[in-house]
Amino acid sequence: MKCKINRNAAKVLKKMLESNEAEGKMIRVYVTHLHGDHAHYDIKLDTPTENDEVVKTDKDIDIILEKDDGFLDGVWIQYFYVPKEEMYITNPSISKGHHH
């Protein structure tokens, strides 16, 4: 499985991982809703299970993805400051995706 993170998102995710509630946890990307050919994604702090794959990224942040969810393979986590500050999670290999 693959996961990409842009530089802005890496900064935000690293801050999440430095928080007290993040101790012993990692970032999980998961699907919140499916709409035919696209999905809505979200992130949370979590620990991996036997149903997960821990994906190493080029930003030195490991991401938990559920192994059997094809909508997660190839997910791209981006963070934008303009026009408003928001996390934007898509999967270009499947569809246009949707934001967080």
Protein backbone atom coordinates (compact mmCIF):
# COMPACT_ATOMS: atom_id res chain seq x y z
CA MET A 1 0.00 0.00 0.00
CA LYS A 2 1.07 3.57 -0.63
CA CYS A 3 0.52 6.92 1.05
CA LYS A 4 1.86 10.37 0.17
CA ILE A 5 2.03 13.41 2.43
CA ASN A 6 2.77 16.99 1.36
CA ARG A 7 5.14 19.15 3.42
CA ASN A 8 2.39 21.21 5.06
CA ALA A 9 0.49 18.08 6.11
CA ALA A 10 3.70 16.56 7.50
CA LYS A 11 4.13 19.58 9.79
CA VAL A 12 0.54 19.29 11.05
CA LEU A 13 0.77 15.50 11.53
CA LYS A 14 4.08 15.79 13.40
CA LYS A 15 2.46 18.28 15.79
CA MET A 16 -0.37 15.78 16.37
CA LEU A 17 2.19 13.06 17.10
CA GLU A 18 4.00 15.30 19.63
CA SER A 19 0.84 15.80 21.72
CA ASN A 20 0.36 14.00 25.06
CA GLU A 21 -2.61 11.98 23.77
CA ALA A 22 -0.45 10.66 20.90
CA GLU A 23 1.91 8.73 23.18
CA GLY A 24 2.32 5.22 21.77
CA LYS A 25 0.00 5.98 18.84
CA MET A 26 0.32 6.62 15.12
CA ILE A 27 -1.72 8.44 12.46
CA ARG A 28 -4.53 6.40 10.89
CA VAL A 29 -6.26 7.37 7.64
CA TYR A 30 -9.68 5.82 7.29
CA VAL A 31 -12.78 6.02 5.10
CA THR A 32 -15.78 7.77 6.69
CA HIS A 33 -18.23 7.50 3.75
CA LEU A 34 -18.30 5.79 0.36
CA HIS A 35 -20.16 7.34 -2.56
CA GLY A 36 -19.87 5.03 -5.56
CA ASP A 37 -16.48 5.82 -7.09
CA HIS A 38 -15.13 8.09 -4.35
CA ALA A 39 -14.66 8.16 -0.61
CA HIS A 40 -14.52 10.66 2.22
CA TYR A 41 -11.47 10.30 4.46
CA ASP A 42 -10.46 11.35 7.93
CA ILE A 43 -7.45 10.93 10.23
CA LYS A 44 -7.09 10.03 13.89
CA LEU A 45 -4.52 8.83 16.39
CA ASP A 46 -4.66 5.04 16.74
CA THR A 47 -2.65 1.85 17.15
CA PRO A 48 -2.34 -0.75 14.37
CA THR A 49 -4.16 -4.09 14.48
CA GLU A 50 -3.61 -7.32 12.56
CA ASN A 51 -5.95 -5.95 9.84
CA ASP A 52 -3.67 -2.98 9.17
CA GLU A 53 -0.54 -2.16 7.25
CA VAL A 54 1.87 0.47 8.54
CA VAL A 55 3.04 2.46 5.53
CA LYS A 56 6.33 4.35 5.64
CA THR A 57 6.25 7.74 3.90
CA ASP A 58 8.99 9.97 2.55
CA LYS A 59 8.22 12.46 5.36
CA ASP A 60 9.33 10.06 8.15
CA ILE A 61 5.75 9.60 9.33
CA ASP A 62 4.27 6.11 9.44
CA ILE A 63 0.60 5.89 8.49
CA ILE A 64 -1.83 3.11 9.47
CA LEU A 65 -4.04 1.88 6.61
CA GLU A 66 -6.56 -0.97 6.75
CA LYS A 67 -5.20 -3.74 4.47
CA ASP A 68 -8.43 -4.75 2.76
CA ASP A 69 -9.70 -1.26 1.92
CA GLY A 70 -8.79 -0.49 -1.70
CA PHE A 71 -9.87 3.13 -1.29
CA LEU A 72 -6.90 3.65 1.08
CA ASP A 73 -4.13 2.34 -1.21
CA GLY A 74 -2.56 5.40 -2.82
CA VAL A 75 -4.12 7.97 -0.49
CA TRP A 76 -2.59 11.47 -0.57
CA ILE A 77 -2.69 13.65 2.56
CA GLN A 78 -2.34 17.36 1.87
CA TYR A 79 -2.71 20.45 4.03
CA PHE A 80 -3.55 23.84 2.60
CA TYR A 81 -3.45 27.28 4.20
CA VAL A 82 -5.36 29.03 1.40
CA PRO A 83 -8.25 29.65 0.78
CA LYS A 84 -8.73 28.26 4.30
CA GLU A 85 -6.68 26.04 6.56
CA GLU A 86 -7.76 22.45 6.01
CA MET A 87 -6.55 18.90 5.64
CA TYR A 88 -7.36 17.52 2.18
CA ILE A 89 -7.21 13.75 1.73
CA THR A 90 -7.68 12.23 -1.72
CA ASN A 91 -6.87 9.06 -3.60
CA PRO A 92 -5.88 10.07 -7.14
CA SER A 93 -5.53 6.43 -8.20
CA ILE A 94 -9.26 5.84 -7.64
CA SER A 95 -11.11 9.12 -8.05
CA LYS A 96 -11.04 12.79 -7.28
CA GLY A 97 -11.60 11.92 -3.64
CA HIS A 98 -12.87 14.19 -0.94
CA HIS A 99 -11.45 16.37 1.78
CA HIS A 100 -11.26 15.89 5.52
